[in-house]
Every structure is written in C-alpha cells, then in structure tokens.
PDB file of N, CA and C in Angstrom:
ATOM      1  N   UNK A   1     105.825  50.219  67.673  1.00  0.00           N
ATOM      2  CA  UNK A   1     104.568  50.924  67.661  1.00  0.00           C
ATOM      3  C   UNK A   1     103.474  50.023  67.090  1.00  0.00           C
ATOM      4  N   UNK A   2     103.751  49.331  65.972  1.00  0.00           N
ATOM      5  CA  UNK A   2     102.768  48.407  65.417  1.00  0.00           C
ATOM      6  C   UNK A   2     102.527  47.269  66.398  1.00  0.00           C
ATOM      7  N   UNK A   3     103.602  46.802  67.010  1.00  0.00           N
ATOM      8  CA  UNK A   3     103.459  45.723  68.006  1.00  0.00           C
ATOM      9  C   UNK A   3     102.612  46.177  69.183  1.00  0.00           C
ATOM     10  N   UNK A   4     102.847  47.408  69.615  1.00  0.00           N
ATOM     11  CA  UNK A   4     102.049  47.935  70.731  1.00  0.00           C
ATOM     12  C   UNK A   4     100.582  48.069  70.332  1.00  0.00           C
ATOM     13  N   UNK A   5     100.342  48.508  69.106  1.00  0.00           N
ATOM     14  CA  UNK A   5      98.958  48.595  68.633  1.00  0.00           C
ATOM     15  C   UNK A   5      98.301  47.219  68.628  1.00  0.00           C
ATOM     16  N   UNK A   6      99.003  46.217  68.115  1.00  0.00           N
ATOM     17  CA  UNK A   6      98.440  44.864  68.065  1.00  0.00           C
ATOM     18  C   UNK A   6      98.189  44.332  69.475  1.00  0.00           C
ATOM     19  N   UNK A   7      99.151  44.553  70.357  1.00  0.00           N
ATOM     20  CA  UNK A   7      98.984  44.096  71.741  1.00  0.00           C
ATOM     21  C   UNK A   7      97.809  44.812  72.395  1.00  0.00           C
ATOM     22  N   UNK A   8      97.714  46.119  72.173  1.00  0.00           N
ATOM     23  CA  UNK A   8      96.612  46.880  72.743  1.00  0.00           C
ATOM     24  C   UNK A   8      95.267  46.422  72.213  1.00  0.00           C
ATOM     25  N   UNK A   9      95.202  46.147  70.919  1.00  0.00           N
ATOM     26  CA  UNK A   9      93.955  45.656  70.347  1.00  0.00           C
ATOM     27  C   UNK A   9      93.591  44.291  70.917  1.00  0.00           C
ATOM     28  N   UNK A  10      94.600  43.463  71.145  1.00  0.00           N
ATOM     29  CA  UNK A  10      94.346  42.151  71.766  1.00  0.00           C
ATOM     30  C   UNK A  10      93.797  42.315  73.169  1.00  0.00           C
ATOM     31  N   UNK A  11      94.407  43.212  73.951  1.00  0.00           N
ATOM     32  CA  UNK A  11      93.951  43.441  75.336  1.00  0.00           C
ATOM     33  C   UNK A  11      92.532  44.002  75.361  1.00  0.00           C
ATOM     34  N   UNK A  12      92.236  44.921  74.454  1.00  0.00           N
ATOM     35  CA  UNK A  12      90.884  45.484  74.373  1.00  0.00           C
ATOM     36  C   UNK A  12      89.896  44.380  74.000  1.00  0.00           C
ATOM     37  N   UNK A  13      90.314  43.523  73.069  1.00  0.00           N
ATOM     38  CA  UNK A  13      89.480  42.397  72.675  1.00  0.00           C
ATOM     39  C   UNK A  13      89.207  41.432  73.812  1.00  0.00           C
ATOM     40  N   UNK A  14      90.138  41.353  74.745  1.00  0.00           N
ATOM     41  CA  UNK A  14      89.976  40.481  75.917  1.00  0.00           C
ATOM     42  C   UNK A  14      89.156  41.139  77.015  1.00  0.00           C
ATOM     43  N   UNK A  15      88.761  42.391  76.787  1.00  0.00           N
ATOM     44  CA  UNK A  15      87.883  43.051  77.741  1.00  0.00           C
ATOM     45  C   UNK A  15      88.510  44.159  78.571  1.00  0.00           C
ATOM     46  N   UNK A  16      89.781  44.474  78.356  1.00  0.00           N
ATOM     47  CA  UNK A  16      90.417  45.565  79.100  1.00  0.00           C
ATOM     48  C   UNK A  16      89.895  46.902  78.577  1.00  0.00           C
ATOM     49  N   UNK A  17      89.827  47.893  79.461  1.00  0.00           N
ATOM     50  CA  UNK A  17      89.417  49.224  78.997  1.00  0.00           C
ATOM     51  C   UNK A  17      90.636  49.965  78.457  1.00  0.00           C
ATOM     52  N   UNK A  18      90.388  51.003  77.676  1.00  0.00           N
ATOM     53  CA  UNK A  18      91.455  51.723  76.984  1.00  0.00           C
ATOM     54  C   UNK A  18      92.463  52.330  77.951  1.00  0.00           C
ATOM     55  N   UNK A  19      91.989  52.886  79.054  1.00  0.00           N
ATOM     56  CA  UNK A  19      92.902  53.504  80.029  1.00  0.00           C
ATOM     57  C   UNK A  19      93.895  52.472  80.569  1.00  0.00           C
ATOM     58  N   UNK A  20      93.414  51.269  80.875  1.00  0.00           N
ATOM     59  CA  UNK A  20      94.298  50.218  81.389  1.00  0.00           C
ATOM     60  C   UNK A  20      95.280  49.758  80.316  1.00  0.00           C
ATOM     61  N   UNK A  21      94.799  49.660  79.095  1.00  0.00           N
ATOM     62  CA  UNK A  21      95.665  49.253  77.987  1.00  0.00           C
ATOM     63  C   UNK A  21      96.769  50.280  77.768  1.00  0.00           C
ATOM     64  N   UNK A  22      96.411  51.555  77.760  1.00  0.00           N
ATOM     65  CA  UNK A  22      97.414  52.611  77.562  1.00  0.00           C
ATOM     66  C   UNK A  22      98.426  52.628  78.695  1.00  0.00           C
ATOM     67  N   UNK A  23      97.972  52.403  79.888  1.00  0.00           N
ATOM     68  CA  UNK A  23      98.890  52.355  81.029  1.00  0.00           C
ATOM     69  C   UNK A  23      99.847  51.177  80.881  1.00  0.00           C
ATOM     70  N   UNK A  24      99.315  50.031  80.474  1.00  0.00           N
ATOM     71  CA  UNK A  24     100.141  48.843  80.270  1.00  0.00           C
ATOM     72  C   UNK A  24     101.182  49.085  79.174  1.00  0.00           C
ATOM     73  N   UNK A  25     100.775  49.743  78.093  1.00  0.00           N
ATOM     74  CA  UNK A  25     101.672  50.009  76.967  1.00  0.00           C
ATOM     75  C   UNK A  25     102.585  51.212  77.199  1.00  0.00           C
ATOM     76  N   UNK A  26     102.300  51.962  78.277  1.00  0.00           N
ATOM     77  CA  UNK A  26     103.074  53.156  78.637  1.00  0.00           C
ATOM     78  C   UNK A  26     102.981  54.236  77.546  1.00  0.00           C
ATOM     79  N   UNK A  27     101.747  54.453  77.061  1.00  0.00           N
ATOM     80  CA  UNK A  27     101.476  55.535  76.111  1.00  0.00           C
ATOM     81  C   UNK A  27     100.224  56.258  76.578  1.00  0.00           C
ATOM     82  N   UNK A  28     100.079  57.507  76.160  1.00  0.00           N
ATOM     83  CA  UNK A  28      98.874  58.251  76.506  1.00  0.00           C
ATOM     84  C   UNK A  28      97.733  57.816  75.584  1.00  0.00           C
ATOM     85  N   UNK A  29      96.520  58.115  75.988  1.00  0.00           N
ATOM     86  CA  UNK A  29      95.370  57.788  75.140  1.00  0.00           C
ATOM     87  C   UNK A  29      95.443  58.575  73.830  1.00  0.00           C
ATOM     88  N   UNK A  30      95.931  59.795  73.901  1.00  0.00           N
ATOM     89  CA  UNK A  30      96.086  60.619  72.684  1.00  0.00           C
ATOM     90  C   UNK A  30      97.046  59.932  71.707  1.00  0.00           C
ATOM     91  N   UNK A  31      98.161  59.430  72.230  1.00  0.00           N
ATOM     92  CA  UNK A  31      99.120  58.726  71.381  1.00  0.00           C
ATOM     93  C   UNK A  31      98.483  57.473  70.794  1.00  0.00           C
ATOM     94  N   UNK A  32      97.735  56.731  71.624  1.00  0.00           N
ATOM     95  CA  UNK A  32      97.062  55.527  71.146  1.00  0.00           C
ATOM     96  C   UNK A  32      96.155  55.843  69.952  1.00  0.00           C
ATOM     97  N   UNK A  33      95.339  56.883  70.097  1.00  0.00           N
ATOM     98  CA  UNK A  33      94.411  57.239  69.028  1.00  0.00           C
ATOM     99  C   UNK A  33      95.153  57.711  67.769  1.00  0.00           C
ATOM    100  N   UNK A  34      96.226  58.475  67.957  1.00  0.00           N
ATOM    101  CA  UNK A  34      97.009  58.941  66.809  1.00  0.00           C
ATOM    102  C   UNK A  34      97.637  57.756  66.082  1.00  0.00           C
ATOM    103  N   UNK A  35      98.245  56.845  66.839  1.00  0.00           N
ATOM    104  CA  UNK A  35      98.834  55.655  66.243  1.00  0.00           C
ATOM    105  C   UNK A  35      97.783  54.829  65.516  1.00  0.00           C
ATOM    106  N   UNK A  36      96.634  54.668  66.134  1.00  0.00           N
ATOM    107  CA  UNK A  36      95.578  53.837  65.555  1.00  0.00           C
ATOM    108  C   UNK A  36      95.077  54.454  64.243  1.00  0.00           C
ATOM    109  N   UNK A  37      94.921  55.785  64.226  1.00  0.00           N
ATOM    110  CA  UNK A  37      94.490  56.454  63.001  1.00  0.00           C
ATOM    111  C   UNK A  37      95.550  56.384  61.913  1.00  0.00           C
ATOM    112  N   UNK A  38      96.806  56.521  62.314  1.00  0.00           N
ATOM    113  CA  UNK A  38      97.883  56.597  61.344  1.00  0.00           C
ATOM    114  C   UNK A  38      98.360  55.215  60.889  1.00  0.00           C
ATOM    115  N   UNK A  39      98.435  54.260  61.808  1.00  0.00           N
ATOM    116  CA  UNK A  39      99.051  52.973  61.496  1.00  0.00           C
ATOM    117  C   UNK A  39      98.124  51.772  61.695  1.00  0.00           C
ATOM    118  N   UNK A  40      96.848  52.028  61.938  1.00  0.00           N
ATOM    119  CA  UNK A  40      95.915  50.965  62.300  1.00  0.00           C
ATOM    120  C   UNK A  40      95.895  49.762  61.385  1.00  0.00           C
ATOM    121  N   UNK A  41      95.852  49.940  60.078  1.00  0.00           N
ATOM    122  CA  UNK A  41      95.751  48.806  59.171  1.00  0.00           C
ATOM    123  C   UNK A  41      97.075  48.345  58.607  1.00  0.00           C
ATOM    124  N   UNK A  42      98.161  48.898  59.087  1.00  0.00           N
ATOM    125  CA  UNK A  42      99.468  48.584  58.503  1.00  0.00           C
ATOM    126  C   UNK A  42     100.107  47.373  59.150  1.00  0.00           C
ATOM    127  N   UNK A  43     100.947  46.741  58.348  1.00  0.00           N
ATOM    128  CA  UNK A  43     101.818  45.693  58.867  1.00  0.00           C
ATOM    129  C   UNK A  43     103.120  46.379  59.281  1.00  0.00           C
ATOM    130  N   UNK A  44     103.931  45.675  60.023  1.00  0.00           N
ATOM    131  CA  UNK A  44     105.182  46.255  60.528  1.00  0.00           C
ATOM    132  C   UNK A  44     106.073  46.748  59.394  1.00  0.00           C
ATOM    133  N   UNK A  45     106.169  45.963  58.312  1.00  0.00           N
ATOM    134  CA  UNK A  45     107.043  46.378  57.204  1.00  0.00           C
ATOM    135  C   UNK A  45     106.493  47.610  56.483  1.00  0.00           C
ATOM    136  N   UNK A  46     105.156  47.753  56.463  1.00  0.00           N
ATOM    137  CA  UNK A  46     104.554  48.952  55.865  1.00  0.00           C
ATOM    138  C   UNK A  46     104.903  50.195  56.679  1.00  0.00           C
ATOM    139  N   UNK A  47     104.827  50.065  57.998  1.00  0.00           N
ATOM    140  CA  UNK A  47     105.151  51.199  58.876  1.00  0.00           C
ATOM    141  C   UNK A  47     106.629  51.560  58.758  1.00  0.00           C
ATOM    142  N   UNK A  48     107.475  50.541  58.652  1.00  0.00           N
ATOM    143  CA  UNK A  48     108.913  50.799  58.505  1.00  0.00           C
ATOM    144  C   UNK A  48     109.177  51.538  57.194  1.00  0.00           C
ATOM    145  N   UNK A  49     108.519  51.104  56.119  1.00  0.00           N
ATOM    146  CA  UNK A  49     108.685  51.756  54.820  1.00  0.00           C
ATOM    147  C   UNK A  49     108.194  53.201  54.867  1.00  0.00           C
ATOM    148  N   UNK A  50     107.060  53.422  55.547  1.00  0.00           N
ATOM    149  CA  UNK A  50     106.528  54.777  55.697  1.00  0.00           C
ATOM    150  C   UNK A  50     107.529  55.669  56.412  1.00  0.00           C
ATOM    151  N   UNK A  51     108.117  55.169  57.487  1.00  0.00           N
ATOM    152  CA  UNK A  51     109.121  55.956  58.222  1.00  0.00           C
ATOM    153  C   UNK A  51     110.323  56.285  57.339  1.00  0.00           C
ATOM    154  N   UNK A  52     110.760  55.310  56.540  1.00  0.00           N
ATOM    155  CA  UNK A  52     111.886  55.552  55.637  1.00  0.00           C
ATOM    156  C   UNK A  52     111.537  56.637  54.618  1.00  0.00           C
ATOM    157  N   UNK A  53     110.324  56.568  54.078  1.00  0.00           N
ATOM    158  CA  UNK A  53     109.899  57.576  53.100  1.00  0.00           C
ATOM    159  C   UNK A  53     109.778  58.955  53.729  1.00  0.00           C
ATOM    160  N   UNK A  54     109.276  59.013  54.956  1.00  0.00           N
ATOM    161  CA  UNK A  54     109.176  60.301  55.650  1.00  0.00           C
ATOM    162  C   UNK A  54     110.557  60.886  55.899  1.00  0.00           C
ATOM    163  N   UNK A  55     111.503  60.031  56.256  1.00  0.00           N
ATOM    164  CA  UNK A  55     112.881  60.476  56.493  1.00  0.00           C
ATOM    165  C   UNK A  55     113.501  60.997  55.195  1.00  0.00           C
ATOM    166  N   UNK A  56     113.299  60.256  54.097  1.00  0.00           N
ATOM    167  CA  UNK A  56     113.809  60.673  52.799  1.00  0.00           C
ATOM    168  C   UNK A  56     113.163  61.985  52.356  1.00  0.00           C
ATOM    169  N   UNK A  57     111.871  62.120  52.581  1.00  0.00           N
ATOM    170  CA  UNK A  57     111.163  63.340  52.213  1.00  0.00           C
ATOM    171  C   UNK A  57     111.723  64.539  52.978  1.00  0.00           C
ATOM    172  N   UNK A  58     111.988  64.371  54.253  1.00  0.00           N
ATOM    173  CA  UNK A  58     112.562  65.459  55.056  1.00  0.00           C
ATOM    174  C   UNK A  58     113.937  65.853  54.518  1.00  0.00           C
ATOM    175  N   UNK A  59     114.742  64.844  54.146  1.00  0.00           N
ATOM    176  CA  UNK A  59     116.076  65.131  53.601  1.00  0.00           C
ATOM    177  C   UNK A  59     115.969  65.897  52.278  1.00  0.00           C
ATOM    178  N   UNK A  60     115.046  65.482  51.422  1.00  0.00           N
ATOM    179  CA  UNK A  60     114.873  66.158  50.136  1.00  0.00           C
ATOM    180  C   UNK A  60     114.359  67.587  50.311  1.00  0.00           C
ATOM    181  N   UNK A  61     113.447  67.791  51.255  1.00  0.00           N
ATOM    182  CA  UNK A  61     112.965  69.146  51.529  1.00  0.00           C
ATOM    183  C   UNK A  61     114.101  70.042  51.991  1.00  0.00           C
ATOM    184  N   UNK A  62     114.988  69.491  52.797  1.00  0.00           N
ATOM    185  CA  UNK A  62     116.131  70.264  53.276  1.00  0.00           C
ATOM    186  C   UNK A  62     117.041  70.647  52.105  1.00  0.00           C
ATOM    187  N   UNK A  63     117.269  69.696  51.188  1.00  0.00           N
ATOM    188  CA  UNK A  63     118.095  69.993  50.008  1.00  0.00           C
ATOM    189  C   UNK A  63     117.480  71.090  49.148  1.00  0.00           C
ATOM    190  N   UNK A  64     116.182  71.022  48.933  1.00  0.00           N
ATOM    191  CA  UNK A  64     115.497  72.043  48.137  1.00  0.00           C
ATOM    192  C   UNK A  64     115.600  73.408  48.817  1.00  0.00           C
ATOM    193  N   UNK A  65     115.419  73.430  50.122  1.00  0.00           N
ATOM    194  CA  UNK A  65     115.521  74.691  50.859  1.00  0.00           C
ATOM    195  C   UNK A  65     116.929  75.272  50.760  1.00  0.00           C
ATOM    196  N   UNK A  66     117.942  74.411  50.868  1.00  0.00           N
ATOM    197  CA  UNK A  66     119.320  74.888  50.757  1.00  0.00           C
ATOM    198  C   UNK A  66     119.604  75.434  49.358  1.00  0.00           C
ATOM    199  N   UNK A  67     119.098  74.755  48.325  1.00  0.00           N
ATOM    200  CA  UNK A  67     119.295  75.240  46.962  1.00  0.00           C
ATOM    201  C   UNK A  67     118.589  76.575  46.744  1.00  0.00           C
ATOM    202  N   UNK A  68     117.389  76.704  47.280  1.00  0.00           N
ATOM    203  CA  UNK A  68     116.654  77.961  47.150  1.00  0.00           C
ATOM    204  C   UNK A  68     117.416  79.087  47.837  1.00  0.00           C
ATOM    205  N   UNK A  69     117.970  78.806  48.994  1.00  0.00           N
ATOM    206  CA  UNK A  69     118.747  79.812  49.721  1.00  0.00           C
ATOM    207  C   UNK A  69     119.986  80.218  48.925  1.00  0.00           C
ATOM    208  N   UNK A  70     120.659  79.237  48.325  1.00  0.00           N
ATOM    209  CA  UNK A  70     121.833  79.552  47.506  1.00  0.00           C
ATOM    210  C   UNK A  70     121.444  80.410  46.297  1.00  0.00           C
ATOM    211  N   UNK A  71     120.301  80.116  45.708  1.00  0.00           N
ATOM    212  CA  UNK A  71     119.824  80.888  44.563  1.00  0.00           C
ATOM    213  C   UNK A  71     119.558  82.332  44.976  1.00  0.00           C
ATOM    214  N   UNK A  72     118.913  82.506  46.124  1.00  0.00           N
ATOM    215  CA  UNK A  72     118.625  83.853  46.615  1.00  0.00           C
ATOM    216  C   UNK A  72     119.921  84.586  46.928  1.00  0.00           C
ATOM    217  N   UNK A  73     120.851  83.893  47.561  1.00  0.00           N
ATOM    218  CA  UNK A  73     122.134  84.532  47.874  1.00  0.00           C
ATOM    219  C   UNK A  73     122.873  84.921  46.598  1.00  0.00           C
ATOM    220  N   UNK A  74     122.829  84.041  45.601  1.00  0.00           N
ATOM    221  CA  UNK A  74     123.484  84.344  44.324  1.00  0.00           C
ATOM    222  C   UNK A  74     122.855  85.541  43.649  1.00  0.00           C
ATOM    223  N   UNK A  75     121.533  85.608  43.659  1.00  0.00           N
ATOM    224  CA  UNK A  75     120.829  86.740  43.050  1.00  0.00           C
ATOM    225  C   UNK A  75     121.137  88.023  43.804  1.00  0.00           C
ATOM    226  N   UNK A  76     121.219  87.934  45.125  1.00  0.00           N
ATOM    227  CA  UNK A  76     121.531  89.104  45.941  1.00  0.00           C
ATOM    228  C   UNK A  76     122.945  89.590  45.638  1.00  0.00           C
ATOM    229  N   UNK A  77     123.882  88.667  45.525  1.00  0.00           N
ATOM    230  CA  UNK A  77     125.262  89.036  45.210  1.00  0.00           C
ATOM    231  C   UNK A  77     125.343  89.662  43.826  1.00  0.00           C
ATOM    232  N   UNK A  78     124.636  89.085  42.871  1.00  0.00           N
ATOM    233  CA  UNK A  78     124.651  89.623  41.505  1.00  0.00           C
ATOM    234  C   UNK A  78     124.049  91.017  41.464  1.00  0.00           C
ATOM    235  N   UNK A  79     122.971  91.248  42.197  1.00  0.00           N
ATOM    236  CA  UNK A  79     122.362  92.580  42.179  1.00  0.00           C
ATOM    237  C   UNK A  79     123.275  93.595  42.858  1.00  0.00           C
ATOM    238  N   UNK A  80     123.988  93.175  43.908  1.00  0.00           N
ATOM    239  CA  UNK A  80     124.935  94.089  44.548  1.00  0.00           C
ATOM    240  C   UNK A  80     126.076  94.433  43.606  1.00  0.00           C
ATOM    241  N   UNK A  81     126.551  93.433  42.847  1.00  0.00           N
ATOM    242  CA  UNK A  81     127.637  93.689  41.896  1.00  0.00           C
ATOM    243  C   UNK A  81     127.171  94.642  40.798  1.00  0.00           C
ATOM    244  N   UNK A  82     125.974  94.452  40.310  1.00  0.00           N
ATOM    245  CA  UNK A  82     125.421  95.323  39.274  1.00  0.00           C
ATOM    246  C   UNK A  82     125.290  96.749  39.805  1.00  0.00           C
ATOM    247  N   UNK A  83     124.791  96.889  41.035  1.00  0.00           N
ATOM    248  CA  UNK A  83     124.637  98.202  41.659  1.00  0.00           C
ATOM    249  C   UNK A  83     126.002  98.869  41.805  1.00  0.00           C
ATOM    250  N   UNK A  84     126.991  98.108  42.266  1.00  0.00           N
ATOM    251  CA  UNK A  84     128.331  98.665  42.453  1.00  0.00           C
ATOM    252  C   UNK A  84     128.921  99.092  41.112  1.00  0.00           C
ATOM    253  N   UNK A  85     128.731  98.274  40.094  1.00  0.00           N
ATOM    254  CA  UNK A  85     129.243  98.630  38.764  1.00  0.00           C
ATOM    255  C   UNK A  85     128.565  99.886  38.236  1.00  0.00           C
ATOM    256  N   UNK A  86     127.273 100.024  38.484  1.00  0.00           N
ATOM    257  CA  UNK A  86     126.548 101.217  38.036  1.00  0.00           C
ATOM    258  C   UNK A  86     127.077 102.450  38.751  1.00  0.00           C
ATOM    259  N   UNK A  87     127.319 102.345  40.056  1.00  0.00           N
ATOM    260  CA  UNK A  87     127.870 103.479  40.806  1.00  0.00           C
ATOM    261  C   UNK A  87     129.246 103.862  40.282  1.00  0.00           C
ATOM    262  N   UNK A  88     130.079 102.855  40.052  1.00  0.00           N
ATOM    263  CA  UNK A  88     131.417 103.131  39.548  1.00  0.00           C
ATOM    264  C   UNK A  88     131.350 103.779  38.164  1.00  0.00           C
ATOM    265  N   UNK A  89     130.427 103.323  37.355  1.00  0.00           N
ATOM    266  CA  UNK A  89     130.258 103.895  36.021  1.00  0.00           C
ATOM    267  C   UNK A  89     129.818 105.359  36.117  1.00  0.00           C
ATOM    268  N   UNK A  90     128.869 105.655  37.024  1.00  0.00           N
ATOM    269  CA  UNK A  90     128.405 107.034  37.212  1.00  0.00           C
ATOM    270  C   UNK A  90     129.543 107.906  37.706  1.00  0.00           C
ATOM    271  N   UNK A  91     130.287 107.419  38.657  1.00  0.00           N
ATOM    272  CA  UNK A  91     131.403 108.213  39.188  1.00  0.00           C
ATOM    273  C   UNK A  91     132.458 108.453  38.113  1.00  0.00           C
ATOM    274  N   UNK A  92     132.708 107.401  37.320  1.00  0.00           N
ATOM    275  CA  UNK A  92     133.684 107.562  36.236  1.00  0.00           C
ATOM    276  C   UNK A  92     133.205 108.573  35.213  1.00  0.00           C
ATOM    277  N   UNK A  93     131.929 108.583  34.899  1.00  0.00           N
ATOM    278  CA  UNK A  93     131.372 109.518  33.920  1.00  0.00           C
ATOM    279  C   UNK A  93     131.422 110.933  34.457  1.00  0.00           C
ATOM    280  N   UNK A  94     131.118 111.130  35.713  1.00  0.00           N
ATOM    281  CA  UNK A  94     131.101 112.476  36.278  1.00  0.00           C
ATOM    282  C   UNK A  94     132.499 113.022  36.416  1.00  0.00           C
ATOM    283  N   UNK A  95     133.475 112.154  36.641  1.00  0.00           N
ATOM    284  CA  UNK A  95     134.836 112.638  36.749  1.00  0.00           C
ATOM    285  C   UNK A  95     135.378 113.076  35.397  1.00  0.00           C
ATOM    286  N   UNK A  96     134.903 112.402  34.344  1.00  0.00           N
ATOM    287  CA  UNK A  96     135.360 112.801  33.014  1.00  0.00           C
ATOM    288  C   UNK A  96     134.808 114.156  32.623  1.00  0.00           C
ATOM    289  N   UNK A  97     133.596 114.496  33.088  1.00  0.00           N
ATOM    290  CA  UNK A  97     132.979 115.761  32.734  1.00  0.00           C
ATOM    291  C   UNK A  97     133.637 116.926  33.443  1.00  0.00           C
ATOM    292  N   UNK A  98     134.204 116.692  34.586  1.00  0.00           N
ATOM    293  CA  UNK A  98     134.754 117.795  35.373  1.00  0.00           C
ATOM    294  C   UNK A  98     136.056 118.272  34.862  1.00  0.00           C
TER     295      UNK A  98
END
C-alpha cells in the first residue's frame, strides 16, 4: 500500500491524471484518497507497525469483551442462585408453619 502510494505519487508527478494512476495501481479513487489521508506521510515500517498495533488492539478489545461477558454471566448465575435459595427458604418456612 505504501509502495502503491509512492508509485502513484511518482506517476502524478510525471503528469498522469489520478484516474489513470488509480487504474494502473488497480485501486479506486476512493481507496487512493483514504490511503493518502491515512498513510500519506508514513514510511513502510511505520505502516507495518500501525497494522500490528491495530491487530493487537482488536485482540485486546475481544479479550475485554469476553471478560465482560463472563462477568455478566457470573452475576446472572449468582442472582439465579440467590433467587432459588430465597424460594427454597420461603417454602421451607411455610412448610414448618403448616
């Protein structure tokens, strides 16, 4: 992607229009503009590092979501157990009165 950006910038500098450059690079103009905004001033190693960080961030978000889900499930199980114990206690108390 960085290489394509550099090549595209070179072609534009040589006088090619953007449509021809995008066709040559086999990307849409929308993709070209997105890449240019996102990676325009980066070197290849910077872009690679960014991708690694984005991948790590996605993995960490998934871990946090899984932990949150486990917490909710645990709380739900605990509340069900408390409810069941309360019902059993009420039934036990009413049976003793009869």
